């Protein structure tokens, strides 16, 4: 299996994230997650950077290596090639974190209720 392609789905509650994910999950090559815990994992790892243990011996390069490996390692056993991670990525700090540590050219998709209301009127 080749390299995974990871995109990020952001949206407000009741804006259609679950509907879109259900539609995308019909494709066997795509996995759209439920609410992702990866933002929480990153948050916990980021808090370690402020700990006394880290501050006593601040090995930034090793820390960065761990941070950069999280996303790849988390999804490595998923069979799908395309992963749509539904986390709290639209928040400016999380977006900046993604761009700095995961991929400077991240693909984030934002959903609004208007989009799905328009689709509903078509049918």
PDB file of N, CA and C in Angstrom:
ATOM      1  N   UNK A   1       0.841  -1.183   0.000  1.00  0.00           N
ATOM      2  CA  UNK A   1       0.000   0.000   0.000  1.00  0.00           C
ATOM      3  C   UNK A   1       0.880   1.238   0.000  1.00  0.00           C
ATOM      4  N   UNK A   2       0.466   2.256  -0.749  1.00  0.00           N
ATOM      5  CA  UNK A   2       1.243   3.475  -0.862  1.00  0.00           C
ATOM      6  C   UNK A   2       1.058   4.406   0.320  1.00  0.00           C
ATOM      7  N   UNK A   3       1.567   5.573   0.153  1.00  0.00           N
ATOM      8  CA  UNK A   3       1.481   6.593   1.194  1.00  0.00           C
ATOM      9  C   UNK A   3       0.033   7.042   1.374  1.00  0.00           C
ATOM     10  N   UNK A   4      -0.349   7.235   2.600  1.00  0.00           N
ATOM     11  CA  UNK A   4      -1.704   7.697   2.900  1.00  0.00           C
ATOM     12  C   UNK A   4      -1.831   9.183   2.586  1.00  0.00           C
ATOM     13  N   UNK A   5      -2.991   9.533   2.111  1.00  0.00           N
ATOM     14  CA  UNK A   5      -3.318  10.937   1.871  1.00  0.00           C
ATOM     15  C   UNK A   5      -4.297  11.336   2.969  1.00  0.00           C
ATOM     16  N   UNK A   6      -3.920  12.337   3.744  1.00  0.00           N
ATOM     17  CA  UNK A   6      -4.762  12.738   4.871  1.00  0.00           C
ATOM     18  C   UNK A   6      -5.270  14.164   4.644  1.00  0.00           C
ATOM     19  N   UNK A   7      -6.588  14.284   4.727  1.00  0.00           N
ATOM     20  CA  UNK A   7      -7.249  15.578   4.649  1.00  0.00           C
ATOM     21  C   UNK A   7      -7.950  15.810   5.980  1.00  0.00           C
ATOM     22  N   UNK A   8      -8.375  17.030   6.204  1.00  0.00           N
ATOM     23  CA  UNK A   8      -8.963  17.404   7.487  1.00  0.00           C
ATOM     24  C   UNK A   8     -10.321  18.045   7.254  1.00  0.00           C
ATOM     25  N   UNK A   9     -11.314  17.510   7.950  1.00  0.00           N
ATOM     26  CA  UNK A   9     -12.675  17.998   7.817  1.00  0.00           C
ATOM     27  C   UNK A   9     -13.044  18.777   9.068  1.00  0.00           C
ATOM     28  N   UNK A  10     -13.427  20.022   8.876  1.00  0.00           N
ATOM     29  CA  UNK A  10     -13.775  20.906   9.985  1.00  0.00           C
ATOM     30  C   UNK A  10     -15.202  21.388   9.772  1.00  0.00           C
ATOM     31  N   UNK A  11     -15.923  21.496  10.826  1.00  0.00           N
ATOM     32  CA  UNK A  11     -17.271  22.019  10.688  1.00  0.00           C
ATOM     33  C   UNK A  11     -17.902  22.217  12.047  1.00  0.00           C
ATOM     34  N   UNK A  12     -18.857  23.077  12.075  1.00  0.00           N
ATOM     35  CA  UNK A  12     -19.603  23.322  13.304  1.00  0.00           C
ATOM     36  C   UNK A  12     -20.560  22.164  13.553  1.00  0.00           C
ATOM     37  N   UNK A  13     -20.983  21.985  14.785  1.00  0.00           N
ATOM     38  CA  UNK A  13     -21.977  20.946  15.051  1.00  0.00           C
ATOM     39  C   UNK A  13     -23.239  21.165  14.212  1.00  0.00           C
ATOM     40  N   UNK A  14     -23.817  20.071  13.796  1.00  0.00           N
ATOM     41  CA  UNK A  14     -25.056  20.069  12.996  1.00  0.00           C
ATOM     42  C   UNK A  14     -24.889  20.720  11.635  1.00  0.00           C
ATOM     43  N   UNK A  15     -23.667  20.714  11.109  1.00  0.00           N
ATOM     44  CA  UNK A  15     -23.448  21.330   9.798  1.00  0.00           C
ATOM     45  C   UNK A  15     -23.349  20.302   8.676  1.00  0.00           C
ATOM     46  N   UNK A  16     -23.410  19.019   8.988  1.00  0.00           N
ATOM     47  CA  UNK A  16     -23.396  18.001   7.942  1.00  0.00           C
ATOM     48  C   UNK A  16     -22.141  17.155   7.886  1.00  0.00           C
ATOM     49  N   UNK A  17     -21.282  17.273   8.893  1.00  0.00           N
ATOM     50  CA  UNK A  17     -20.054  16.468   8.909  1.00  0.00           C
ATOM     51  C   UNK A  17     -20.346  14.976   8.856  1.00  0.00           C
ATOM     52  N   UNK A  18     -21.300  14.534   9.659  1.00  0.00           N
ATOM     53  CA  UNK A  18     -21.613  13.108   9.727  1.00  0.00           C
ATOM     54  C   UNK A  18     -22.225  12.630   8.418  1.00  0.00           C
ATOM     55  N   UNK A  19     -23.088  13.428   7.832  1.00  0.00           N
ATOM     56  CA  UNK A  19     -23.680  13.066   6.542  1.00  0.00           C
ATOM     57  C   UNK A  19     -22.598  12.947   5.477  1.00  0.00           C
ATOM     58  N   UNK A  20     -21.740  13.940   5.380  1.00  0.00           N
ATOM     59  CA  UNK A  20     -20.671  13.891   4.397  1.00  0.00           C
ATOM     60  C   UNK A  20     -19.753  12.704   4.642  1.00  0.00           C
ATOM     61  N   UNK A  21     -19.411  12.451   5.894  1.00  0.00           N
ATOM     62  CA  UNK A  21     -18.550  11.308   6.219  1.00  0.00           C
ATOM     63  C   UNK A  21     -19.203   9.996   5.818  1.00  0.00           C
ATOM     64  N   UNK A  22     -20.490   9.868   6.051  1.00  0.00           N
ATOM     65  CA  UNK A  22     -21.210   8.652   5.663  1.00  0.00           C
ATOM     66  C   UNK A  22     -21.172   8.444   4.159  1.00  0.00           C
ATOM     67  N   UNK A  23     -21.323   9.513   3.423  1.00  0.00           N
ATOM     68  CA  UNK A  23     -21.263   9.428   1.962  1.00  0.00           C
ATOM     69  C   UNK A  23     -19.851   9.042   1.510  1.00  0.00           C
ATOM     70  N   UNK A  24     -18.841   9.703   2.063  1.00  0.00           N
ATOM     71  CA  UNK A  24     -17.459   9.409   1.690  1.00  0.00           C
ATOM     72  C   UNK A  24     -17.060   7.987   2.058  1.00  0.00           C
ATOM     73  N   UNK A  25     -17.547   7.489   3.170  1.00  0.00           N
ATOM     74  CA  UNK A  25     -17.205   6.139   3.614  1.00  0.00           C
ATOM     75  C   UNK A  25     -17.802   5.050   2.725  1.00  0.00           C
ATOM     76  N   UNK A  26     -18.654   5.409   1.799  1.00  0.00           N
ATOM     77  CA  UNK A  26     -19.176   4.428   0.840  1.00  0.00           C
ATOM     78  C   UNK A  26     -18.086   4.003  -0.138  1.00  0.00           C
ATOM     79  N   UNK A  27     -17.071   4.832  -0.287  1.00  0.00           N
ATOM     80  CA  UNK A  27     -15.942   4.507  -1.156  1.00  0.00           C
ATOM     81  C   UNK A  27     -14.947   3.674  -0.348  1.00  0.00           C
ATOM     82  N   UNK A  28     -14.587   2.482  -0.796  1.00  0.00           N
ATOM     83  CA  UNK A  28     -13.680   1.631  -0.014  1.00  0.00           C
ATOM     84  C   UNK A  28     -12.262   2.184   0.116  1.00  0.00           C
ATOM     85  N   UNK A  29     -11.899   3.172  -0.674  1.00  0.00           N
ATOM     86  CA  UNK A  29     -10.559   3.768  -0.595  1.00  0.00           C
ATOM     87  C   UNK A  29     -10.500   4.972   0.331  1.00  0.00           C
ATOM     88  N   UNK A  30     -11.655   5.364   0.883  1.00  0.00           N
ATOM     89  CA  UNK A  30     -11.720   6.545   1.746  1.00  0.00           C
ATOM     90  C   UNK A  30     -12.223   6.139   3.126  1.00  0.00           C
ATOM     91  N   UNK A  31     -11.590   6.670   4.153  1.00  0.00           N
ATOM     92  CA  UNK A  31     -12.068   6.498   5.527  1.00  0.00           C
ATOM     93  C   UNK A  31     -12.223   7.878   6.147  1.00  0.00           C
ATOM     94  N   UNK A  32     -13.451   8.232   6.449  1.00  0.00           N
ATOM     95  CA  UNK A  32     -13.711   9.471   7.160  1.00  0.00           C
ATOM     96  C   UNK A  32     -13.979   9.095   8.605  1.00  0.00           C
ATOM     97  N   UNK A  33     -13.170   9.620   9.492  1.00  0.00           N
ATOM     98  CA  UNK A  33     -13.214   9.209  10.898  1.00  0.00           C
ATOM     99  C   UNK A  33     -14.433   9.779  11.614  1.00  0.00           C
ATOM    100  N   UNK A  34     -14.715   9.194  12.757  1.00  0.00           N
ATOM    101  CA  UNK A  34     -15.635   9.840  13.683  1.00  0.00           C
ATOM    102  C   UNK A  34     -14.849  11.003  14.282  1.00  0.00           C
ATOM    103  N   UNK A  35     -15.341  11.626  15.312  1.00  0.00           N
ATOM    104  CA  UNK A  35     -14.571  12.719  15.917  1.00  0.00           C
ATOM    105  C   UNK A  35     -13.208  12.191  16.337  1.00  0.00           C
ATOM    106  N   UNK A  36     -12.175  12.785  15.781  1.00  0.00           N
ATOM    107  CA  UNK A  36     -10.807  12.297  15.953  1.00  0.00           C
ATOM    108  C   UNK A  36     -10.217  12.681  17.301  1.00  0.00           C
ATOM    109  N   UNK A  37      -9.399  11.775  17.844  1.00  0.00           N
ATOM    110  CA  UNK A  37      -8.692  12.071  19.091  1.00  0.00           C
ATOM    111  C   UNK A  37      -7.291  12.631  18.830  1.00  0.00           C
ATOM    112  N   UNK A  38      -6.928  12.766  17.577  1.00  0.00           N
ATOM    113  CA  UNK A  38      -5.557  13.188  17.277  1.00  0.00           C
ATOM    114  C   UNK A  38      -5.268  14.591  17.796  1.00  0.00           C
ATOM    115  N   UNK A  39      -6.237  15.481  17.737  1.00  0.00           N
ATOM    116  CA  UNK A  39      -5.985  16.818  18.299  1.00  0.00           C
ATOM    117  C   UNK A  39      -5.696  16.719  19.792  1.00  0.00           C
ATOM    118  N   UNK A  40      -6.364  15.796  20.476  1.00  0.00           N
ATOM    119  CA  UNK A  40      -6.101  15.596  21.909  1.00  0.00           C
ATOM    120  C   UNK A  40      -4.712  15.006  22.148  1.00  0.00           C
ATOM    121  N   UNK A  41      -4.306  14.093  21.288  1.00  0.00           N
ATOM    122  CA  UNK A  41      -2.960  13.516  21.402  1.00  0.00           C
ATOM    123  C   UNK A  41      -1.922  14.620  21.244  1.00  0.00           C
ATOM    124  N   UNK A  42      -2.095  15.447  20.227  1.00  0.00           N
ATOM    125  CA  UNK A  42      -1.151  16.548  20.013  1.00  0.00           C
ATOM    126  C   UNK A  42      -1.158  17.528  21.186  1.00  0.00           C
ATOM    127  N   UNK A  43      -2.334  17.784  21.719  1.00  0.00           N
ATOM    128  CA  UNK A  43      -2.441  18.706  22.857  1.00  0.00           C
ATOM    129  C   UNK A  43      -1.635  18.182  24.047  1.00  0.00           C
ATOM    130  N   UNK A  44      -1.768  16.884  24.325  1.00  0.00           N
ATOM    131  CA  UNK A  44      -1.023  16.285  25.433  1.00  0.00           C
ATOM    132  C   UNK A  44       0.486  16.326  25.162  1.00  0.00           C
ATOM    133  N   UNK A  45       0.885  16.013  23.947  1.00  0.00           N
ATOM    134  CA  UNK A  45       2.309  16.058  23.617  1.00  0.00           C
ATOM    135  C   UNK A  45       2.858  17.484  23.704  1.00  0.00           C
ATOM    136  N   UNK A  46       2.054  18.437  23.271  1.00  0.00           N
ATOM    137  CA  UNK A  46       2.488  19.831  23.328  1.00  0.00           C
ATOM    138  C   UNK A  46       2.669  20.281  24.779  1.00  0.00           C
ATOM    139  N   UNK A  47       1.796  19.798  25.667  1.00  0.00           N
ATOM    140  CA  UNK A  47       1.911  20.194  27.079  1.00  0.00           C
ATOM    141  C   UNK A  47       3.197  19.650  27.710  1.00  0.00           C
ATOM    142  N   UNK A  48       3.718  18.547  27.189  1.00  0.00           N
ATOM    143  CA  UNK A  48       4.980  18.005  27.697  1.00  0.00           C
ATOM    144  C   UNK A  48       6.143  18.967  27.480  1.00  0.00           C
ATOM    145  N   UNK A  49       6.024  19.772  26.448  1.00  0.00           N
ATOM    146  CA  UNK A  49       7.092  20.722  26.132  1.00  0.00           C
ATOM    147  C   UNK A  49       7.263  21.769  27.240  1.00  0.00           C
ATOM    148  N   UNK A  50       6.228  21.932  28.041  1.00  0.00           N
ATOM    149  CA  UNK A  50       6.280  22.900  29.141  1.00  0.00           C
ATOM    150  C   UNK A  50       6.599  22.239  30.486  1.00  0.00           C
ATOM    151  N   UNK A  51       6.808  20.926  30.452  1.00  0.00           N
ATOM    152  CA  UNK A  51       7.062  20.200  31.700  1.00  0.00           C
ATOM    153  C   UNK A  51       8.496  20.414  32.178  1.00  0.00           C
ATOM    154  N   UNK A  52       8.699  20.234  33.466  1.00  0.00           N
ATOM    155  CA  UNK A  52      10.041  20.364  34.045  1.00  0.00           C
ATOM    156  C   UNK A  52      11.013  19.353  33.440  1.00  0.00           C
ATOM    157  N   UNK A  53      10.525  18.163  33.173  1.00  0.00           N
ATOM    158  CA  UNK A  53      11.382  17.122  32.601  1.00  0.00           C
ATOM    159  C   UNK A  53      11.945  17.570  31.257  1.00  0.00           C
ATOM    160  N   UNK A  54      11.068  18.087  30.404  1.00  0.00           N
ATOM    161  CA  UNK A  54      11.533  18.546  29.101  1.00  0.00           C
ATOM    162  C   UNK A  54      12.425  19.783  29.246  1.00  0.00           C
ATOM    163  N   UNK A  55      12.032  20.693  30.087  1.00  0.00           N
ATOM    164  CA  UNK A  55      12.794  21.937  30.248  1.00  0.00           C
ATOM    165  C   UNK A  55      14.186  21.698  30.826  1.00  0.00           C
ATOM    166  N   UNK A  56      14.358  20.617  31.586  1.00  0.00           N
ATOM    167  CA  UNK A  56      15.691  20.282  32.110  1.00  0.00           C
ATOM    168  C   UNK A  56      16.634  19.809  31.011  1.00  0.00           C
ATOM    169  N   UNK A  57      16.069  19.157  30.012  1.00  0.00           N
ATOM    170  CA  UNK A  57      16.875  18.688  28.890  1.00  0.00           C
ATOM    171  C   UNK A  57      16.047  18.845  27.620  1.00  0.00           C
ATOM    172  N   UNK A  58      15.956  20.069  27.109  1.00  0.00           N
ATOM    173  CA  UNK A  58      15.059  20.348  25.977  1.00  0.00           C
ATOM    174  C   UNK A  58      15.611  19.845  24.634  1.00  0.00           C
ATOM    175  N   UNK A  59      15.290  18.622  24.308  1.00  0.00           N
ATOM    176  CA  UNK A  59      15.717  18.015  23.048  1.00  0.00           C
ATOM    177  C   UNK A  59      14.627  18.255  21.993  1.00  0.00           C
ATOM    178  N   UNK A  60      14.667  19.417  21.377  1.00  0.00           N
ATOM    179  CA  UNK A  60      13.624  19.831  20.435  1.00  0.00           C
ATOM    180  C   UNK A  60      13.582  18.954  19.190  1.00  0.00           C
ATOM    181  N   UNK A  61      14.710  18.528  18.703  1.00  0.00           N
ATOM    182  CA  UNK A  61      14.734  17.720  17.476  1.00  0.00           C
ATOM    183  C   UNK A  61      14.028  16.379  17.692  1.00  0.00           C
ATOM    184  N   UNK A  62      14.319  15.706  18.801  1.00  0.00           N
ATOM    185  CA  UNK A  62      13.657  14.431  19.099  1.00  0.00           C
ATOM    186  C   UNK A  62      12.158  14.637  19.332  1.00  0.00           C
ATOM    187  N   UNK A  63      11.832  15.704  20.037  1.00  0.00           N
ATOM    188  CA  UNK A  63      10.427  16.039  20.275  1.00  0.00           C
ATOM    189  C   UNK A  63       9.706  16.239  18.937  1.00  0.00           C
ATOM    190  N   UNK A  64      10.312  17.007  18.044  1.00  0.00           N
ATOM    191  CA  UNK A  64       9.714  17.243  16.726  1.00  0.00           C
ATOM    192  C   UNK A  64       9.542  15.941  15.949  1.00  0.00           C
ATOM    193  N   UNK A  65      10.498  15.025  16.074  1.00  0.00           N
ATOM    194  CA  UNK A  65      10.384  13.734  15.386  1.00  0.00           C
ATOM    195  C   UNK A  65       9.156  12.955  15.860  1.00  0.00           C
ATOM    196  N   UNK A  66       8.930  12.974  17.163  1.00  0.00           N
ATOM    197  CA  UNK A  66       7.761  12.281  17.712  1.00  0.00           C
ATOM    198  C   UNK A  66       6.481  12.936  17.197  1.00  0.00           C
ATOM    199  N   UNK A  67       6.416  14.243  17.265  1.00  0.00           N
ATOM    200  CA  UNK A  67       5.227  14.978  16.813  1.00  0.00           C
ATOM    201  C   UNK A  67       4.945  14.682  15.339  1.00  0.00           C
ATOM    202  N   UNK A  68       5.975  14.709  14.517  1.00  0.00           N
ATOM    203  CA  UNK A  68       5.793  14.480  13.077  1.00  0.00           C
ATOM    204  C   UNK A  68       5.354  13.053  12.765  1.00  0.00           C
ATOM    205  N   UNK A  69       5.653  12.115  13.643  1.00  0.00           N
ATOM    206  CA  UNK A  69       5.317  10.708  13.393  1.00  0.00           C
ATOM    207  C   UNK A  69       3.904  10.331  13.842  1.00  0.00           C
ATOM    208  N   UNK A  70       3.273  11.145  14.650  1.00  0.00           N
ATOM    209  CA  UNK A  70       1.978  10.769  15.239  1.00  0.00           C
ATOM    210  C   UNK A  70       0.932  10.442  14.174  1.00  0.00           C
ATOM    211  N   UNK A  71       0.708  11.329  13.249  1.00  0.00           N
ATOM    212  CA  UNK A  71      -0.356  11.144  12.259  1.00  0.00           C
ATOM    213  C   UNK A  71      -0.102   9.888  11.419  1.00  0.00           C
ATOM    214  N   UNK A  72       1.093   9.752  10.941  1.00  0.00           N
ATOM    215  CA  UNK A  72       1.453   8.595  10.105  1.00  0.00           C
ATOM    216  C   UNK A  72       1.282   7.291  10.886  1.00  0.00           C
ATOM    217  N   UNK A  73       1.763   7.257  12.106  1.00  0.00           N
ATOM    218  CA  UNK A  73       1.678   6.043  12.920  1.00  0.00           C
ATOM    219  C   UNK A  73       0.249   5.722  13.333  1.00  0.00           C
ATOM    220  N   UNK A  74      -0.525   6.739  13.597  1.00  0.00           N
ATOM    221  CA  UNK A  74      -1.904   6.526  14.025  1.00  0.00           C
ATOM    222  C   UNK A  74      -2.706   5.808  12.936  1.00  0.00           C
ATOM    223  N   UNK A  75      -2.500   6.204  11.690  1.00  0.00           N
ATOM    224  CA  UNK A  75      -3.291   5.660  10.585  1.00  0.00           C
ATOM    225  C   UNK A  75      -2.590   4.567   9.786  1.00  0.00           C
ATOM    226  N   UNK A  76      -1.435   4.121  10.204  1.00  0.00           N
ATOM    227  CA  UNK A  76      -0.666   3.192   9.376  1.00  0.00           C
ATOM    228  C   UNK A  76      -1.364   1.849   9.134  1.00  0.00           C
ATOM    229  N   UNK A  77      -2.201   1.380  10.031  1.00  0.00           N
ATOM    230  CA  UNK A  77      -2.879   0.099   9.845  1.00  0.00           C
ATOM    231  C   UNK A  77      -4.253   0.219   9.192  1.00  0.00           C
ATOM    232  N   UNK A  78      -4.660   1.416   8.867  1.00  0.00           N
ATOM    233  CA  UNK A  78      -5.927   1.593   8.171  1.00  0.00           C
ATOM    234  C   UNK A  78      -5.726   1.187   6.720  1.00  0.00           C
ATOM    235  N   UNK A  79      -6.656   0.448   6.161  1.00  0.00           N
ATOM    236  CA  UNK A  79      -6.479  -0.079   4.806  1.00  0.00           C
ATOM    237  C   UNK A  79      -6.751   0.961   3.719  1.00  0.00           C
ATOM    238  N   UNK A  80      -7.490   1.999   4.041  1.00  0.00           N
ATOM    239  CA  UNK A  80      -7.840   3.010   3.045  1.00  0.00           C
ATOM    240  C   UNK A  80      -6.637   3.897   2.726  1.00  0.00           C
ATOM    241  N   UNK A  81      -6.591   4.365   1.489  1.00  0.00           N
ATOM    242  CA  UNK A  81      -5.501   5.254   1.056  1.00  0.00           C
ATOM    243  C   UNK A  81      -5.759   6.704   1.449  1.00  0.00           C
ATOM    244  N   UNK A  82      -7.026   7.079   1.471  1.00  0.00           N
ATOM    245  CA  UNK A  82      -7.392   8.469   1.773  1.00  0.00           C
ATOM    246  C   UNK A  82      -8.098   8.503   3.122  1.00  0.00           C
ATOM    247  N   UNK A  83      -7.563   9.313   4.017  1.00  0.00           N
ATOM    248  CA  UNK A  83      -8.132   9.461   5.355  1.00  0.00           C
ATOM    249  C   UNK A  83      -8.669  10.882   5.496  1.00  0.00           C
ATOM    250  N   UNK A  84      -9.902  10.989   5.933  1.00  0.00           N
ATOM    251  CA  UNK A  84     -10.489  12.290   6.244  1.00  0.00           C
ATOM    252  C   UNK A  84     -10.586  12.349   7.773  1.00  0.00           C
ATOM    253  N   UNK A  85      -9.727  13.123   8.389  1.00  0.00           N
ATOM    254  CA  UNK A  85      -9.681  13.221   9.841  1.00  0.00           C
ATOM    255  C   UNK A  85     -10.622  14.327  10.303  1.00  0.00           C
ATOM    256  N   UNK A  86     -11.589  13.950  11.129  1.00  0.00           N
ATOM    257  CA  UNK A  86     -12.567  14.916  11.632  1.00  0.00           C
ATOM    258  C   UNK A  86     -12.176  15.350  13.031  1.00  0.00           C
ATOM    259  N   UNK A  87     -11.294  16.285  13.097  1.00  0.00           N
ATOM    260  CA  UNK A  87     -10.866  16.824  14.381  1.00  0.00           C
ATOM    261  C   UNK A  87     -11.192  18.302  14.466  1.00  0.00           C
ATOM    262  N   UNK A  88     -10.708  18.923  15.498  1.00  0.00           N
ATOM    263  CA  UNK A  88     -10.932  20.358  15.699  1.00  0.00           C
ATOM    264  C   UNK A  88      -9.791  21.108  15.014  1.00  0.00           C
ATOM    265  N   UNK A  89      -9.673  20.929  13.716  1.00  0.00           N
ATOM    266  CA  UNK A  89      -8.541  21.493  12.980  1.00  0.00           C
ATOM    267  C   UNK A  89      -8.767  22.936  12.545  1.00  0.00           C
ATOM    268  N   UNK A  90      -9.998  23.416  12.551  1.00  0.00           N
ATOM    269  CA  UNK A  90     -10.279  24.763  12.084  1.00  0.00           C
ATOM    270  C   UNK A  90      -9.875  25.864  13.045  1.00  0.00           C
ATOM    271  N   UNK A  91      -9.537  25.510  14.268  1.00  0.00           N
ATOM    272  CA  UNK A  91      -9.091  26.489  15.250  1.00  0.00           C
ATOM    273  C   UNK A  91      -7.704  26.984  14.841  1.00  0.00           C
ATOM    274  N   UNK A  92      -7.462  28.291  14.859  1.00  0.00           N
ATOM    275  CA  UNK A  92      -6.178  28.815  14.359  1.00  0.00           C
ATOM    276  C   UNK A  92      -4.932  28.136  14.935  1.00  0.00           C
ATOM    277  N   UNK A  93      -4.899  27.872  16.234  1.00  0.00           N
ATOM    278  CA  UNK A  93      -3.710  27.223  16.810  1.00  0.00           C
ATOM    279  C   UNK A  93      -3.516  25.810  16.278  1.00  0.00           C
ATOM    280  N   UNK A  94      -4.607  25.063  16.116  1.00  0.00           N
ATOM    281  CA  UNK A  94      -4.500  23.703  15.578  1.00  0.00           C
ATOM    282  C   UNK A  94      -4.075  23.714  14.124  1.00  0.00           C
ATOM    283  N   UNK A  95      -4.605  24.647  13.376  1.00  0.00           N
ATOM    284  CA  UNK A  95      -4.229  24.760  11.966  1.00  0.00           C
ATOM    285  C   UNK A  95      -2.746  25.103  11.840  1.00  0.00           C
ATOM    286  N   UNK A  96      -2.287  26.028  12.633  1.00  0.00           N
ATOM    287  CA  UNK A  96      -0.865  26.399  12.625  1.00  0.00           C
ATOM    288  C   UNK A  96       0.005  25.201  13.017  1.00  0.00           C
ATOM    289  N   UNK A  97      -0.445  24.451  14.006  1.00  0.00           N
ATOM    290  CA  UNK A  97       0.275  23.260  14.448  1.00  0.00           C
ATOM    291  C   UNK A  97       0.387  22.252  13.301  1.00  0.00           C
ATOM    292  N   UNK A  98      -0.730  22.006  12.601  1.00  0.00           N
ATOM    293  CA  UNK A  98      -0.711  21.100  11.455  1.00  0.00           C
ATOM    294  C   UNK A  98       0.287  21.556  10.405  1.00  0.00           C
ATOM    295  N   UNK A  99       0.252  22.829  10.100  1.00  0.00           N
ATOM    296  CA  UNK A  99       1.140  23.361   9.065  1.00  0.00           C
ATOM    297  C   UNK A  99       2.601  23.290   9.481  1.00  0.00           C
ATOM    298  N   UNK A 100       2.891  23.472  10.747  1.00  0.00           N
ATOM    299  CA  UNK A 100       4.278  23.450  11.217  1.00  0.00           C
ATOM    300  C   UNK A 100       4.836  22.043  11.375  1.00  0.00           C
ATOM    301  N   UNK A 101       4.007  21.108  11.826  1.00  0.00           N
ATOM    302  CA  UNK A 101       4.523  19.791  12.182  1.00  0.00           C
ATOM    303  C   UNK A 101       4.103  18.652  11.263  1.00  0.00           C
ATOM    304  N   UNK A 102       2.955  18.765  10.622  1.00  0.00           N
ATOM    305  CA  UNK A 102       2.456  17.638   9.835  1.00  0.00           C
ATOM    306  C   UNK A 102       2.655  17.877   8.344  1.00  0.00           C
ATOM    307  N   UNK A 103       2.096  18.964   7.848  1.00  0.00           N
ATOM    308  CA  UNK A 103       2.189  19.255   6.420  1.00  0.00           C
ATOM    309  C   UNK A 103       1.925  20.743   6.207  1.00  0.00           C
ATOM    310  N   UNK A 104       2.897  21.463   5.654  1.00  0.00           N
ATOM    311  CA  UNK A 104       2.682  22.907   5.453  1.00  0.00           C
ATOM    312  C   UNK A 104       1.579  23.211   4.433  1.00  0.00           C
ATOM    313  N   UNK A 105       1.213  22.225   3.632  1.00  0.00           N
ATOM    314  CA  UNK A 105       0.170  22.425   2.616  1.00  0.00           C
ATOM    315  C   UNK A 105      -1.033  21.540   2.921  1.00  0.00           C
ATOM    316  N   UNK A 106      -1.518  21.593   4.142  1.00  0.00           N
ATOM    317  CA  UNK A 106      -2.646  20.746   4.529  1.00  0.00           C
ATOM    318  C   UNK A 106      -3.881  21.100   3.722  1.00  0.00           C
ATOM    319  N   UNK A 107      -4.726  20.093   3.539  1.00  0.00           N
ATOM    320  CA  UNK A 107      -6.012  20.308   2.878  1.00  0.00           C
ATOM    321  C   UNK A 107      -7.086  20.206   3.947  1.00  0.00           C
ATOM    322  N   UNK A 108      -7.696  21.325   4.229  1.00  0.00           N
ATOM    323  CA  UNK A 108      -8.770  21.398   5.212  1.00  0.00           C
ATOM    324  C   UNK A 108     -10.066  21.716   4.482  1.00  0.00           C
ATOM    325  N   UNK A 109     -11.121  21.021   4.870  1.00  0.00           N
ATOM    326  CA  UNK A 109     -12.426  21.247   4.284  1.00  0.00           C
ATOM    327  C   UNK A 109     -13.356  21.734   5.386  1.00  0.00           C
ATOM    328  N   UNK A 110     -14.050  22.818   5.098  1.00  0.00           N
ATOM    329  CA  UNK A 110     -14.955  23.421   6.065  1.00  0.00           C
ATOM    330  C   UNK A 110     -16.379  23.294   5.544  1.00  0.00           C
ATOM    331  N   UNK A 111     -17.271  22.888   6.405  1.00  0.00           N
ATOM    332  CA  UNK A 111     -18.655  22.669   6.014  1.00  0.00           C
ATOM    333  C   UNK A 111     -19.536  23.710   6.678  1.00  0.00           C
ATOM    334  N   UNK A 112     -20.506  24.162   5.918  1.00  0.00           N
ATOM    335  CA  UNK A 112     -21.520  25.042   6.501  1.00  0.00           C
ATOM    336  C   UNK A 112     -22.887  24.441   6.225  1.00  0.00           C
ATOM    337  N   UNK A 113     -23.867  24.786   7.022  1.00  0.00           N
ATOM    338  CA  UNK A 113     -25.221  24.247   6.847  1.00  0.00           C
ATOM    339  C   UNK A 113     -25.784  24.614   5.474  1.00  0.00           C
ATOM    340  N   UNK A 114     -25.426  25.762   4.986  1.00  0.00           N
ATOM    341  CA  UNK A 114     -25.966  26.231   3.712  1.00  0.00           C
ATOM    342  C   UNK A 114     -25.682  25.241   2.582  1.00  0.00           C
ATOM    343  N   UNK A 115     -24.495  24.638   2.601  1.00  0.00           N
ATOM    344  CA  UNK A 115     -24.109  23.681   1.577  1.00  0.00           C
ATOM    345  C   UNK A 115     -25.099  22.524   1.519  1.00  0.00           C
ATOM    346  N   UNK A 116     -25.422  21.929   2.655  1.00  0.00           N
ATOM    347  CA  UNK A 116     -26.304  20.776   2.665  1.00  0.00           C
ATOM    348  C   UNK A 116     -27.764  21.157   2.478  1.00  0.00           C
ATOM    349  N   UNK A 117     -28.136  22.348   2.854  1.00  0.00           N
ATOM    350  CA  UNK A 117     -29.501  22.791   2.553  1.00  0.00           C
ATOM    351  C   UNK A 117     -29.660  22.906   1.044  1.00  0.00           C
ATOM    352  N   UNK A 118     -28.626  23.394   0.356  1.00  0.00           N
ATOM    353  CA  UNK A 118     -28.690  23.507  -1.097  1.00  0.00           C
ATOM    354  C   UNK A 118     -28.802  22.143  -1.747  1.00  0.00           C
ATOM    355  N   UNK A 119     -28.043  21.173  -1.246  1.00  0.00           N
ATOM    356  CA  UNK A 119     -28.126  19.820  -1.798  1.00  0.00           C
ATOM    357  C   UNK A 119     -29.504  19.242  -1.559  1.00  0.00           C
ATOM    358  N   UNK A 120     -30.069  19.504  -0.390  1.00  0.00           N
ATOM    359  CA  UNK A 120     -31.421  18.996  -0.076  1.00  0.00           C
ATOM    360  C   UNK A 120     -32.478  19.544  -1.019  1.00  0.00           C
ATOM    361  N   UNK A 121     -32.332  20.773  -1.468  1.00  0.00           N
ATOM    362  CA  UNK A 121     -33.307  21.363  -2.377  1.00  0.00           C
ATOM    363  C   UNK A 121     -33.222  20.757  -3.776  1.00  0.00           C
ATOM    364  N   UNK A 122     -32.086  20.194  -4.128  1.00  0.00           N
ATOM    365  CA  UNK A 122     -31.927  19.592  -5.455  1.00  0.00           C
ATOM    366  C   UNK A 122     -32.786  18.335  -5.578  1.00  0.00           C
ATOM    367  N   UNK A 123     -32.899  17.601  -4.475  1.00  0.00           N
ATOM    368  CA  UNK A 123     -33.625  16.311  -4.525  1.00  0.00           C
ATOM    369  C   UNK A 123     -35.060  16.507  -4.285  1.00  0.00           C
TER     370      UNK A 123
END
